[in-house]
Amino acid sequence: LRSVSLGEDLWHILTVDMSLLRLLLLEIYTEFFFILIGAVLLTLVAAAEGANLDSTLFGEKLLLSFTTVRISTDSVYGWEEKTPSSKPEIIVLALLGWFHWLLLSVAGAIIVTRALKPLQQVAFAPDAIMNDSEISVRLITLRQSVILYDVHVYMKLMAAFKDPETGDYTGGLRHLEIAHTKGHYGLFKHYPMTVKHDVTAPDSPLRDTTVDHIMLLEVTVTATDNNGNPVFAAANYMPPNSHIVNSSSFQGAYGEEKLYPRLLRGRWRDQMRPFKEANTGAPFKATDMPLYLYNMDNFHVIELEQNADSDDSPV
């Protein structure tokens, strides 16, 4: 159990953890389980009332169970006159119909709950960077039609920080101030955003910290989209030579493929350039605002420094 309530655990699994395909299969299996149990009970009731217990009787009660949950119609009988149900059979049919209604109510509630769950609207670059001047992360919205408002970006760093009094390095978790905007943006449209922390700032905890001292960089984004829905996103970046990455448990989970988000020492490759004439290559002379092009192929590309880790930034 993951909480004090088994019901809450089951509801969390159905509305959050379970995939949509498994949820649909579970609903289908449960539906046919109700039908089968109803057919068995109806057959036992008829046998107790003196009917011959054979496959013909079970087939008739199976069709009756189908019609009770409205998966089939009365036409399966060819619209022929039938003997009215006995009182015990009516009780079984009423219970079967009520439990089926309860199943559909729960399934509908699960569908509505999953539909109201916030969609993923933000994607992070697979790697982050750190150098002598900054530590930064790139992110972008997934859909061009989505606009994010009141965007807040938070950075936290788990590292060995230098004690100014003793000069010793001690591990800790620190909040990193976002340069220029303090991590608050009024508007975020569909173009890449590079969020930076100024390492050279007087109040930066990274003034005497290198990438070798860092264990984990945590980035969190909260916002509201143009439909009024909440937006949440988070990413964790780890240096390839950190203690966490080199631990046996981490290596056992990721193996040698190294598909984890990394914090690399280097610089982002430029994404923007002035728009140029197609034929001459000369800068475009705009009559109004200057025009720029985004090279989305460079969104994730990092130019590693010479003394950096030998791993290339993934494509």
C-alpha atoms as a PDB file:
ATOM      1  CA  LEU A   1       0.000   0.000   0.000  1.00  0.00           C
ATOM      2  CA  ARG A   2       1.127   3.538  -0.756  1.00  0.00           C
ATOM      3  CA  SER A   3      -1.353   5.316   1.528  1.00  0.00           C
ATOM      4  CA  VAL A   4      -3.633   4.666   4.488  1.00  0.00           C
ATOM      5  CA  SER A   5      -6.576   3.860   2.195  1.00  0.00           C
ATOM      6  CA  LEU A   6      -6.786   0.942  -0.205  1.00  0.00           C
ATOM      7  CA  GLY A   7      -9.610   2.692  -2.066  1.00  0.00           C
ATOM      8  CA  GLU A   8      -7.441   5.767  -2.676  1.00  0.00           C
ATOM      9  CA  ASP A   9      -4.607   3.557  -3.906  1.00  0.00           C
ATOM     10  CA  LEU A  10      -6.897   1.788  -6.380  1.00  0.00           C
ATOM     11  CA  TRP A  11      -8.362   5.102  -7.565  1.00  0.00           C
ATOM     12  CA  HIS A  12      -4.856   6.512  -8.100  1.00  0.00           C
ATOM     13  CA  ILE A  13      -3.867   3.459 -10.128  1.00  0.00           C
ATOM     14  CA  LEU A  14      -6.983   3.709 -12.310  1.00  0.00           C
ATOM     15  CA  THR A  15      -6.804   7.483 -12.889  1.00  0.00           C
ATOM     16  CA  VAL A  16      -3.042   8.067 -12.996  1.00  0.00           C
ATOM     17  CA  ASP A  17      -0.751   5.037 -13.144  1.00  0.00           C
ATOM     18  CA  MET A  18      -2.618   2.688 -15.454  1.00  0.00           C
ATOM     19  CA  SER A  19      -2.210   3.223 -19.189  1.00  0.00           C
ATOM     20  CA  LEU A  20      -5.261   4.004 -21.321  1.00  0.00           C
ATOM     21  CA  LEU A  21      -4.999   0.685 -23.190  1.00  0.00           C
ATOM     22  CA  ARG A  22      -4.919  -1.349 -19.985  1.00  0.00           C
ATOM     23  CA  LEU A  23      -7.808   0.670 -18.600  1.00  0.00           C
ATOM     24  CA  LEU A  24      -9.953  -0.081 -21.667  1.00  0.00           C
ATOM     25  CA  LEU A  25      -9.032  -3.768 -21.527  1.00  0.00           C
ATOM     26  CA  LEU A  26      -9.911  -3.842 -17.824  1.00  0.00           C
ATOM     27  CA  GLU A  27     -13.332  -2.346 -18.557  1.00  0.00           C
ATOM     28  CA  ILE A  28     -13.988  -4.901 -21.321  1.00  0.00           C
ATOM     29  CA  TYR A  29     -12.872  -7.842 -19.151  1.00  0.00           C
ATOM     30  CA  THR A  30     -14.984  -6.604 -16.235  1.00  0.00           C
ATOM     31  CA  GLU A  31     -18.008  -6.197 -18.531  1.00  0.00           C
ATOM     32  CA  PHE A  32     -17.797  -9.762 -19.776  1.00  0.00           C
ATOM     33  CA  PHE A  33     -17.079 -11.024 -16.253  1.00  0.00           C
ATOM     34  CA  PHE A  34     -20.385  -9.507 -15.120  1.00  0.00           C
ATOM     35  CA  ILE A  35     -22.162 -11.137 -18.048  1.00  0.00           C
ATOM     36  CA  LEU A  36     -20.604 -14.548 -17.332  1.00  0.00           C
ATOM     37  CA  ILE A  37     -21.347 -14.398 -13.592  1.00  0.00           C
ATOM     38  CA  GLY A  38     -24.927 -13.339 -14.370  1.00  0.00           C
ATOM     39  CA  ALA A  39     -25.358 -16.244 -16.775  1.00  0.00           C
ATOM     40  CA  VAL A  40     -24.018 -18.741 -14.217  1.00  0.00           C
ATOM     41  CA  LEU A  41     -26.327 -17.437 -11.477  1.00  0.00           C
ATOM     42  CA  LEU A  42     -29.352 -17.487 -13.803  1.00  0.00           C
ATOM     43  CA  THR A  43     -28.509 -21.052 -14.822  1.00  0.00           C
ATOM     44  CA  LEU A  44     -28.235 -22.193 -11.197  1.00  0.00           C
ATOM     45  CA  VAL A  45     -31.546 -20.519 -10.340  1.00  0.00           C
ATOM     46  CA  ALA A  46     -33.273 -22.255 -13.289  1.00  0.00           C
ATOM     47  CA  ALA A  47     -31.732 -25.608 -12.317  1.00  0.00           C
ATOM     48  CA  ALA A  48     -32.952 -25.171  -8.737  1.00  0.00           C
ATOM     49  CA  GLU A  49     -36.445 -24.572 -10.122  1.00  0.00           C
ATOM     50  CA  GLY A  50     -36.378 -27.911 -11.977  1.00  0.00           C
ATOM     51  CA  ALA A  51     -34.924 -27.082 -15.415  1.00  0.00           C
ATOM     52  CA  ASN A  52     -32.482 -29.480 -17.066  1.00  0.00           C
ATOM     53  CA  LEU A  53     -28.909 -28.361 -16.382  1.00  0.00           C
ATOM     54  CA  ASP A  54     -27.275 -28.534 -19.824  1.00  0.00           C
ATOM     55  CA  SER A  55     -25.496 -26.374 -22.389  1.00  0.00           C
ATOM     56  CA  THR A  56     -28.789 -25.273 -23.958  1.00  0.00           C
ATOM     57  CA  LEU A  57     -29.974 -23.836 -20.654  1.00  0.00           C
ATOM     58  CA  PHE A  58     -26.668 -22.028 -20.093  1.00  0.00           C
ATOM     59  CA  GLY A  59     -26.793 -20.604 -23.650  1.00  0.00           C
ATOM     60  CA  GLU A  60     -30.280 -19.212 -23.064  1.00  0.00           C
ATOM     61  CA  LYS A  61     -29.287 -17.617 -19.766  1.00  0.00           C
ATOM     62  CA  LEU A  62     -26.117 -16.202 -21.361  1.00  0.00           C
ATOM     63  CA  LEU A  63     -28.270 -14.435 -23.984  1.00  0.00           C
ATOM     64  CA  LEU A  64     -30.533 -13.185 -21.194  1.00  0.00           C
ATOM     65  CA  SER A  65     -27.503 -11.852 -19.342  1.00  0.00           C
ATOM     66  CA  PHE A  66     -26.377 -10.067 -22.528  1.00  0.00           C
ATOM     67  CA  THR A  67     -29.738  -8.355 -22.912  1.00  0.00           C
ATOM     68  CA  THR A  68     -29.784  -7.336 -19.247  1.00  0.00           C
ATOM     69  CA  VAL A  69     -26.614  -5.220 -19.645  1.00  0.00           C
ATOM     70  CA  ARG A  70     -27.932  -3.946 -23.015  1.00  0.00           C
ATOM     71  CA  ILE A  71     -24.957  -5.217 -25.006  1.00  0.00           C
ATOM     72  CA  SER A  72     -27.431  -7.117 -27.186  1.00  0.00           C
ATOM     73  CA  THR A  73     -31.147  -6.650 -27.918  1.00  0.00           C
ATOM     74  CA  ASP A  74     -34.306  -8.717 -27.541  1.00  0.00           C
ATOM     75  CA  SER A  75     -34.092  -9.633 -31.228  1.00  0.00           C
ATOM     76  CA  VAL A  76     -31.641 -12.414 -30.326  1.00  0.00           C
ATOM     77  CA  TYR A  77     -34.721 -14.424 -29.376  1.00  0.00           C
ATOM     78  CA  GLY A  78     -36.421 -13.790 -32.708  1.00  0.00           C
ATOM     79  CA  TRP A  79     -39.162 -11.778 -30.989  1.00  0.00           C
ATOM     80  CA  GLU A  80     -40.829 -14.985 -29.841  1.00  0.00           C
ATOM     81  CA  GLU A  81     -43.034 -15.277 -26.780  1.00  0.00           C
ATOM     82  CA  LYS A  82     -41.176 -16.437 -23.673  1.00  0.00           C
ATOM     83  CA  THR A  83     -42.123 -17.655 -20.245  1.00  0.00           C
ATOM     84  CA  PRO A  84     -42.024 -14.811 -17.681  1.00  0.00           C
ATOM     85  CA  SER A  85     -39.076 -14.856 -15.258  1.00  0.00           C
ATOM     86  CA  SER A  86     -39.586 -16.279 -11.813  1.00  0.00           C
ATOM     87  CA  LYS A  87     -39.098 -14.166  -8.722  1.00  0.00           C
ATOM     88  CA  PRO A  88     -35.574 -15.491  -7.969  1.00  0.00           C
ATOM     89  CA  GLU A  89     -34.579 -14.861 -11.598  1.00  0.00           C
ATOM     90  CA  ILE A  90     -35.997 -11.313 -11.404  1.00  0.00           C
ATOM     91  CA  ILE A  91     -33.858 -10.677  -8.304  1.00  0.00           C
ATOM     92  CA  VAL A  92     -30.698 -11.896 -10.106  1.00  0.00           C
ATOM     93  CA  LEU A  93     -31.522  -9.770 -13.180  1.00  0.00           C
ATOM     94  CA  ALA A  94     -32.130  -6.696 -11.006  1.00  0.00           C
ATOM     95  CA  LEU A  95     -28.814  -7.152  -9.178  1.00  0.00           C
ATOM     96  CA  LEU A  96     -26.981  -7.732 -12.462  1.00  0.00           C
ATOM     97  CA  GLY A  97     -28.470  -4.575 -13.964  1.00  0.00           C
ATOM     98  CA  TRP A  98     -27.680  -2.517 -10.861  1.00  0.00           C
ATOM     99  CA  PHE A  99     -24.064  -3.686 -10.645  1.00  0.00           C
ATOM    100  CA  HIS A 100     -23.643  -3.018 -14.364  1.00  0.00           C
ATOM    101  CA  TRP A 101     -24.983   0.512 -13.868  1.00  0.00           C
ATOM    102  CA  LEU A 102     -22.483   0.956 -11.021  1.00  0.00           C
ATOM    103  CA  LEU A 103     -19.667  -0.272 -13.285  1.00  0.00           C
ATOM    104  CA  LEU A 104     -20.603   2.242 -15.982  1.00  0.00           C
ATOM    105  CA  SER A 105     -20.787   5.055 -13.399  1.00  0.00           C
ATOM    106  CA  VAL A 106     -17.296   4.288 -12.090  1.00  0.00           C
ATOM    107  CA  ALA A 107     -15.922   3.961 -15.631  1.00  0.00           C
ATOM    108  CA  GLY A 108     -17.456   7.319 -16.566  1.00  0.00           C
ATOM    109  CA  ALA A 109     -15.961   8.969 -13.466  1.00  0.00           C
ATOM    110  CA  ILE A 110     -12.524   7.571 -14.342  1.00  0.00           C
ATOM    111  CA  ILE A 111     -12.801   8.878 -17.919  1.00  0.00           C
ATOM    112  CA  VAL A 112     -13.770  12.367 -16.710  1.00  0.00           C
ATOM    113  CA  THR A 113     -10.964  12.406 -14.121  1.00  0.00           C
ATOM    114  CA  ARG A 114      -8.350  11.406 -16.697  1.00  0.00           C
ATOM    115  CA  ALA A 115      -9.716  13.950 -19.196  1.00  0.00           C
ATOM    116  CA  LEU A 116      -9.337  16.753 -16.639  1.00  0.00           C
ATOM    117  CA  LYS A 117      -5.726  15.825 -15.907  1.00  0.00           C
ATOM    118  CA  PRO A 118      -3.329  18.547 -17.184  1.00  0.00           C
ATOM    119  CA  LEU A 119      -1.595  17.698 -20.451  1.00  0.00           C
ATOM    120  CA  GLN A 120       2.148  17.887 -20.939  1.00  0.00           C
ATOM    121  CA  GLN A 121       2.765  21.282 -22.530  1.00  0.00           C
ATOM    122  CA  VAL A 122       6.521  21.782 -21.980  1.00  0.00           C
ATOM    123  CA  ALA A 123       9.522  19.807 -23.238  1.00  0.00           C
ATOM    124  CA  PHE A 124      13.077  20.199 -21.965  1.00  0.00           C
ATOM    125  CA  ALA A 125      16.271  19.785 -23.950  1.00  0.00           C
ATOM    126  CA  PRO A 126      17.847  16.387 -23.195  1.00  0.00           C
ATOM    127  CA  ASP A 127      20.928  18.050 -21.689  1.00  0.00           C
ATOM    128  CA  ALA A 128      21.728  21.182 -19.669  1.00  0.00           C
ATOM    129  CA  ILE A 129      25.006  23.125 -19.618  1.00  0.00           C
ATOM    130  CA  MET A 130      27.375  24.671 -17.125  1.00  0.00           C
ATOM    131  CA  ASN A 131      30.435  26.816 -17.768  1.00  0.00           C
ATOM    132  CA  ASP A 132      32.397  29.580 -16.059  1.00  0.00           C
ATOM    133  CA  SER A 133      29.623  32.136 -16.590  1.00  0.00           C
ATOM    134  CA  GLU A 134      26.293  30.315 -16.355  1.00  0.00           C
ATOM    135  CA  ILE A 135      24.280  27.161 -15.757  1.00  0.00           C
ATOM    136  CA  SER A 136      21.316  26.995 -18.121  1.00  0.00           C
ATOM    137  CA  VAL A 137      18.467  24.848 -19.411  1.00  0.00           C
ATOM    138  CA  ARG A 138      16.472  25.040 -22.652  1.00  0.00           C
ATOM    139  CA  LEU A 139      12.746  24.362 -22.910  1.00  0.00           C
ATOM    140  CA  ILE A 140       9.931  24.808 -25.408  1.00  0.00           C
ATOM    141  CA  THR A 141       6.162  24.381 -25.593  1.00  0.00           C
ATOM    142  CA  LEU A 142       4.989  21.274 -27.429  1.00  0.00           C
ATOM    143  CA  ARG A 143       2.101  22.829 -29.359  1.00  0.00           C
ATOM    144  CA  GLN A 144       2.105  26.025 -31.419  1.00  0.00           C
ATOM    145  CA  SER A 145      -1.449  26.901 -30.407  1.00  0.00           C
ATOM    146  CA  VAL A 146      -0.639  26.848 -26.685  1.00  0.00           C
ATOM    147  CA  ILE A 147       0.398  30.047 -24.892  1.00  0.00           C
ATOM    148  CA  LEU A 148       1.581  29.926 -21.294  1.00  0.00           C
ATOM    149  CA  TYR A 149       0.867  32.755 -18.878  1.00  0.00           C
ATOM    150  CA  ASP A 150       2.356  33.629 -15.489  1.00  0.00           C
ATOM    151  CA  VAL A 151       5.274  31.219 -15.979  1.00  0.00           C
ATOM    152  CA  HIS A 152       7.468  30.434 -12.978  1.00  0.00           C
ATOM    153  CA  VAL A 153      10.776  28.583 -13.390  1.00  0.00           C
ATOM    154  CA  TYR A 154      12.673  27.235 -10.384  1.00  0.00           C
ATOM    155  CA  MET A 155      16.179  25.787 -10.226  1.00  0.00           C
ATOM    156  CA  LYS A 156      17.556  23.737  -7.362  1.00  0.00           C
ATOM    157  CA  LEU A 157      21.015  22.262  -7.159  1.00  0.00           C
ATOM    158  CA  MET A 158      22.305  19.363  -5.102  1.00  0.00           C
ATOM    159  CA  ALA A 159      26.060  19.806  -4.827  1.00  0.00           C
ATOM    160  CA  ALA A 160      29.069  20.185  -2.549  1.00  0.00           C
ATOM    161  CA  PHE A 161      29.218  23.892  -1.721  1.00  0.00           C
ATOM    162  CA  LYS A 162      32.258  25.659  -0.282  1.00  0.00           C
ATOM    163  CA  ASP A 163      31.906  26.969   3.253  1.00  0.00           C
ATOM    164  CA  PRO A 164      33.187  30.585   3.235  1.00  0.00           C
ATOM    165  CA  GLU A 165      34.430  30.298   6.830  1.00  0.00           C
ATOM    166  CA  THR A 166      36.202  26.937   6.855  1.00  0.00           C
ATOM    167  CA  GLY A 167      36.823  26.476   3.125  1.00  0.00           C
ATOM    168  CA  ASP A 168      35.478  22.930   3.277  1.00  0.00           C
ATOM    169  CA  TYR A 169      32.930  21.553   0.824  1.00  0.00           C
ATOM    170  CA  THR A 170      29.697  20.265   2.311  1.00  0.00           C
ATOM    171  CA  GLY A 171      26.739  18.708   0.511  1.00  0.00           C
ATOM    172  CA  GLY A 172      23.420  20.520   0.365  1.00  0.00           C
ATOM    173  CA  LEU A 173      20.417  21.576  -1.692  1.00  0.00           C
ATOM    174  CA  ARG A 174      20.331  25.225  -2.780  1.00  0.00           C
ATOM    175  CA  HIS A 175      17.892  27.362  -4.732  1.00  0.00           C
ATOM    176  CA  LEU A 176      19.454  29.063  -7.793  1.00  0.00           C
ATOM    177  CA  GLU A 177      18.266  32.534  -8.728  1.00  0.00           C
ATOM    178  CA  ILE A 178      17.249  32.872 -12.399  1.00  0.00           C
ATOM    179  CA  ALA A 179      19.148  35.678 -14.126  1.00  0.00           C
ATOM    180  CA  HIS A 180      17.333  38.902 -15.156  1.00  0.00           C
ATOM    181  CA  THR A 181      13.740  37.744 -14.524  1.00  0.00           C
ATOM    182  CA  LYS A 182      14.007  36.006 -11.127  1.00  0.00           C
ATOM    183  CA  GLY A 183      12.303  33.036 -12.827  1.00  0.00           C
ATOM    184  CA  HIS A 184       9.012  34.830 -13.509  1.00  0.00           C
ATOM    185  CA  TYR A 185       7.772  35.287 -17.094  1.00  0.00           C
ATOM    186  CA  GLY A 186       4.468  36.865 -18.032  1.00  0.00           C
ATOM    187  CA  LEU A 187       4.169  35.083 -21.402  1.00  0.00           C
ATOM    188  CA  PHE A 188       5.725  32.052 -23.093  1.00  0.00           C
ATOM    189  CA  LYS A 189       4.887  31.260 -26.716  1.00  0.00           C
ATOM    190  CA  HIS A 190       6.058  28.502 -29.041  1.00  0.00           C
ATOM    191  CA  TYR A 191       9.729  29.364 -29.305  1.00  0.00           C
ATOM    192  CA  PRO A 192      12.710  28.015 -27.358  1.00  0.00           C
ATOM    193  CA  MET A 193      13.482  29.579 -23.996  1.00  0.00           C
ATOM    194  CA  THR A 194      16.923  29.429 -22.393  1.00  0.00           C
ATOM    195  CA  VAL A 195      16.765  29.804 -18.609  1.00  0.00           C
ATOM    196  CA  LYS A 196      20.055  30.821 -17.001  1.00  0.00           C
ATOM    197  CA  HIS A 197      21.621  31.221 -13.596  1.00  0.00           C
ATOM    198  CA  ASP A 198      24.544  33.657 -13.465  1.00  0.00           C
ATOM    199  CA  VAL A 199      27.441  31.822 -11.830  1.00  0.00           C
ATOM    200  CA  THR A 200      29.469  35.050 -11.563  1.00  0.00           C
ATOM    201  CA  ALA A 201      26.791  36.860  -9.521  1.00  0.00           C
ATOM    202  CA  PRO A 202      27.989  37.915  -6.040  1.00  0.00           C
ATOM    203  CA  ASP A 203      25.212  35.939  -4.336  1.00  0.00           C
ATOM    204  CA  SER A 204      25.587  32.790  -6.454  1.00  0.00           C
ATOM    205  CA  PRO A 205      26.329  29.638  -4.438  1.00  0.00           C
ATOM    206  CA  LEU A 206      28.291  28.337  -7.449  1.00  0.00           C
ATOM    207  CA  ARG A 207      31.118  30.889  -7.410  1.00  0.00           C
ATOM    208  CA  ASP A 208      33.543  28.288  -6.028  1.00  0.00           C
ATOM    209  CA  THR A 209      31.724  25.196  -7.296  1.00  0.00           C
ATOM    210  CA  THR A 210      32.598  23.288 -10.471  1.00  0.00           C
ATOM    211  CA  VAL A 211      30.602  20.716 -12.385  1.00  0.00           C
ATOM    212  CA  ASP A 212      32.581  18.012 -10.587  1.00  0.00           C
ATOM    213  CA  HIS A 213      30.994  19.090  -7.289  1.00  0.00           C
ATOM    214  CA  ILE A 214      27.427  18.849  -8.637  1.00  0.00           C
ATOM    215  CA  MET A 215      25.250  15.791  -8.139  1.00  0.00           C
ATOM    216  CA  LEU A 216      21.829  16.905  -9.424  1.00  0.00           C
ATOM    217  CA  LEU A 217      20.179  19.913 -11.101  1.00  0.00           C
ATOM    218  CA  GLU A 218      16.398  20.082 -10.663  1.00  0.00           C
ATOM    219  CA  VAL A 219      14.255  22.372 -12.850  1.00  0.00           C
ATOM    220  CA  THR A 220      10.531  22.951 -12.273  1.00  0.00           C
ATOM    221  CA  VAL A 221       8.060  24.944 -14.392  1.00  0.00           C
ATOM    222  CA  THR A 222       4.558  26.011 -13.357  1.00  0.00           C
ATOM    223  CA  ALA A 223       2.187  28.076 -15.496  1.00  0.00           C
ATOM    224  CA  THR A 224      -1.364  28.484 -16.794  1.00  0.00           C
ATOM    225  CA  ASP A 225      -2.163  27.840 -20.469  1.00  0.00           C
ATOM    226  CA  ASN A 226      -4.475  29.905 -22.670  1.00  0.00           C
ATOM    227  CA  ASN A 227      -7.376  27.559 -21.828  1.00  0.00           C
ATOM    228  CA  GLY A 228      -7.028  28.225 -18.112  1.00  0.00           C
ATOM    229  CA  ASN A 229      -5.565  24.791 -17.335  1.00  0.00           C
ATOM    230  CA  PRO A 230      -2.609  24.391 -14.958  1.00  0.00           C
ATOM    231  CA  VAL A 231       0.747  23.382 -16.448  1.00  0.00           C
ATOM    232  CA  PHE A 232       3.466  21.526 -14.562  1.00  0.00           C
ATOM    233  CA  ALA A 233       6.811  20.242 -15.832  1.00  0.00           C
ATOM    234  CA  ALA A 234      10.061  19.119 -14.250  1.00  0.00           C
ATOM    235  CA  ALA A 235      13.442  17.732 -15.288  1.00  0.00           C
ATOM    236  CA  ASN A 236      16.520  16.443 -13.456  1.00  0.00           C
ATOM    237  CA  TYR A 237      20.027  16.718 -14.928  1.00  0.00           C
ATOM    238  CA  MET A 238      23.115  14.888 -13.659  1.00  0.00           C
ATOM    239  CA  PRO A 239      26.811  15.253 -14.590  1.00  0.00           C
ATOM    240  CA  PRO A 240      28.220  12.070 -16.181  1.00  0.00           C
ATOM    241  CA  ASN A 241      30.938  11.858 -13.512  1.00  0.00           C
ATOM    242  CA  SER A 242      28.668  12.444 -10.510  1.00  0.00           C
ATOM    243  CA  HIS A 243      28.344  10.065  -7.592  1.00  0.00           C
ATOM    244  CA  ILE A 244      24.710   9.307  -8.482  1.00  0.00           C
ATOM    245  CA  VAL A 245      25.477   8.329 -12.078  1.00  0.00           C
ATOM    246  CA  ASN A 246      28.417   6.141 -11.090  1.00  0.00           C
ATOM    247  CA  SER A 247      26.483   4.315  -8.372  1.00  0.00           C
ATOM    248  CA  SER A 248      25.736   0.644  -8.933  1.00  0.00           C
ATOM    249  CA  SER A 249      21.964   1.132  -8.663  1.00  0.00           C
ATOM    250  CA  PHE A 250      21.978   3.861 -11.332  1.00  0.00           C
ATOM    251  CA  GLN A 251      24.203   1.872 -13.669  1.00  0.00           C
ATOM    252  CA  GLY A 252      21.953  -1.131 -13.221  1.00  0.00           C
ATOM    253  CA  ALA A 253      18.906   0.916 -14.227  1.00  0.00           C
ATOM    254  CA  TYR A 254      20.424   2.685 -17.246  1.00  0.00           C
ATOM    255  CA  GLY A 255      23.255   0.389 -18.268  1.00  0.00           C
ATOM    256  CA  GLU A 256      25.779   1.740 -20.746  1.00  0.00           C
ATOM    257  CA  GLU A 257      23.337   3.587 -22.999  1.00  0.00           C
ATOM    258  CA  LYS A 258      23.374   6.727 -20.805  1.00  0.00           C
ATOM    259  CA  LEU A 259      19.909   7.885 -21.798  1.00  0.00           C
ATOM    260  CA  TYR A 260      19.565  10.102 -18.752  1.00  0.00           C
ATOM    261  CA  PRO A 261      19.402  13.947 -18.892  1.00  0.00           C
ATOM    262  CA  ARG A 262      22.978  15.170 -18.425  1.00  0.00           C
ATOM    263  CA  LEU A 263      24.611  18.335 -17.143  1.00  0.00           C
ATOM    264  CA  LEU A 264      27.544  18.955 -19.485  1.00  0.00           C
ATOM    265  CA  ARG A 265      30.322  21.540 -19.462  1.00  0.00           C
ATOM    266  CA  GLY A 266      30.048  23.633 -22.630  1.00  0.00           C
ATOM    267  CA  ARG A 267      27.908  26.173 -24.455  1.00  0.00           C
ATOM    268  CA  TRP A 268      24.682  26.068 -26.416  1.00  0.00           C
ATOM    269  CA  ARG A 269      24.980  26.242 -30.176  1.00  0.00           C
ATOM    270  CA  ASP A 270      23.302  29.394 -31.472  1.00  0.00           C
ATOM    271  CA  GLN A 271      19.684  29.022 -32.539  1.00  0.00           C
ATOM    272  CA  MET A 272      18.923  32.497 -33.871  1.00  0.00           C
ATOM    273  CA  ARG A 273      20.335  34.394 -36.813  1.00  0.00           C
ATOM    274  CA  PRO A 274      19.138  37.407 -38.833  1.00  0.00           C
ATOM    275  CA  PHE A 275      16.980  36.537 -41.816  1.00  0.00           C
ATOM    276  CA  LYS A 276      18.943  36.728 -45.102  1.00  0.00           C
ATOM    277  CA  GLU A 277      17.994  37.054 -48.738  1.00  0.00           C
ATOM    278  CA  ALA A 278      17.564  33.641 -50.378  1.00  0.00           C
ATOM    279  CA  ASN A 279      19.583  34.492 -53.519  1.00  0.00           C
ATOM    280  CA  THR A 280      22.324  36.841 -52.355  1.00  0.00           C
ATOM    281  CA  GLY A 281      22.693  35.850 -48.701  1.00  0.00           C
ATOM    282  CA  ALA A 282      22.689  39.505 -47.743  1.00  0.00           C
ATOM    283  CA  PRO A 283      20.922  40.540 -44.524  1.00  0.00           C
ATOM    284  CA  PHE A 284      17.243  41.181 -45.073  1.00  0.00           C
ATOM    285  CA  LYS A 285      16.405  44.885 -44.793  1.00  0.00           C
ATOM    286  CA  ALA A 286      13.186  44.965 -42.852  1.00  0.00           C
ATOM    287  CA  THR A 287      10.990  48.024 -43.073  1.00  0.00           C
ATOM    288  CA  ASP A 288       9.560  47.430 -39.615  1.00  0.00           C
ATOM    289  CA  MET A 289      10.920  45.084 -36.947  1.00  0.00           C
ATOM    290  CA  PRO A 290      14.071  42.985 -37.602  1.00  0.00           C
ATOM    291  CA  LEU A 291      13.406  39.392 -38.630  1.00  0.00           C
ATOM    292  CA  TYR A 292      15.160  36.351 -37.131  1.00  0.00           C
ATOM    293  CA  LEU A 293      15.177  32.635 -37.897  1.00  0.00           C
ATOM    294  CA  TYR A 294      15.164  29.819 -35.369  1.00  0.00           C
ATOM    295  CA  ASN A 295      17.262  26.784 -36.181  1.00  0.00           C
ATOM    296  CA  MET A 296      15.360  24.111 -34.289  1.00  0.00           C
ATOM    297  CA  ASP A 297      18.030  21.528 -35.130  1.00  0.00           C
ATOM    298  CA  ASN A 298      20.271  23.323 -32.626  1.00  0.00           C
ATOM    299  CA  PHE A 299      17.713  23.268 -29.837  1.00  0.00           C
ATOM    300  CA  HIS A 300      19.534  20.504 -27.957  1.00  0.00           C
ATOM    301  CA  VAL A 301      23.078  20.755 -29.397  1.00  0.00           C
ATOM    302  CA  ILE A 302      25.909  21.575 -26.972  1.00  0.00           C
ATOM    303  CA  GLU A 303      29.429  22.562 -27.986  1.00  0.00           C
ATOM    304  CA  LEU A 304      31.513  20.787 -25.364  1.00  0.00           C
ATOM    305  CA  GLU A 305      34.615  22.363 -23.911  1.00  0.00           C
ATOM    306  CA  GLN A 306      37.930  20.606 -24.430  1.00  0.00           C
ATOM    307  CA  ASN A 307      38.241  19.472 -20.834  1.00  0.00           C
ATOM    308  CA  ALA A 308      34.660  18.304 -20.708  1.00  0.00           C
ATOM    309  CA  ASP A 309      33.353  14.777 -20.614  1.00  0.00           C
ATOM    310  CA  SER A 310      33.999  12.825 -23.805  1.00  0.00           C
ATOM    311  CA  ASP A 311      30.309  12.046 -24.388  1.00  0.00           C
ATOM    312  CA  ASP A 312      28.721  13.908 -27.257  1.00  0.00           C
ATOM    313  CA  SER A 313      25.387  15.633 -26.861  1.00  0.00           C
ATOM    314  CA  PRO A 314      22.671  13.252 -28.166  1.00  0.00           C
ATOM    315  CA  VAL A 315      20.845  14.018 -31.396  1.00  0.00           C
END
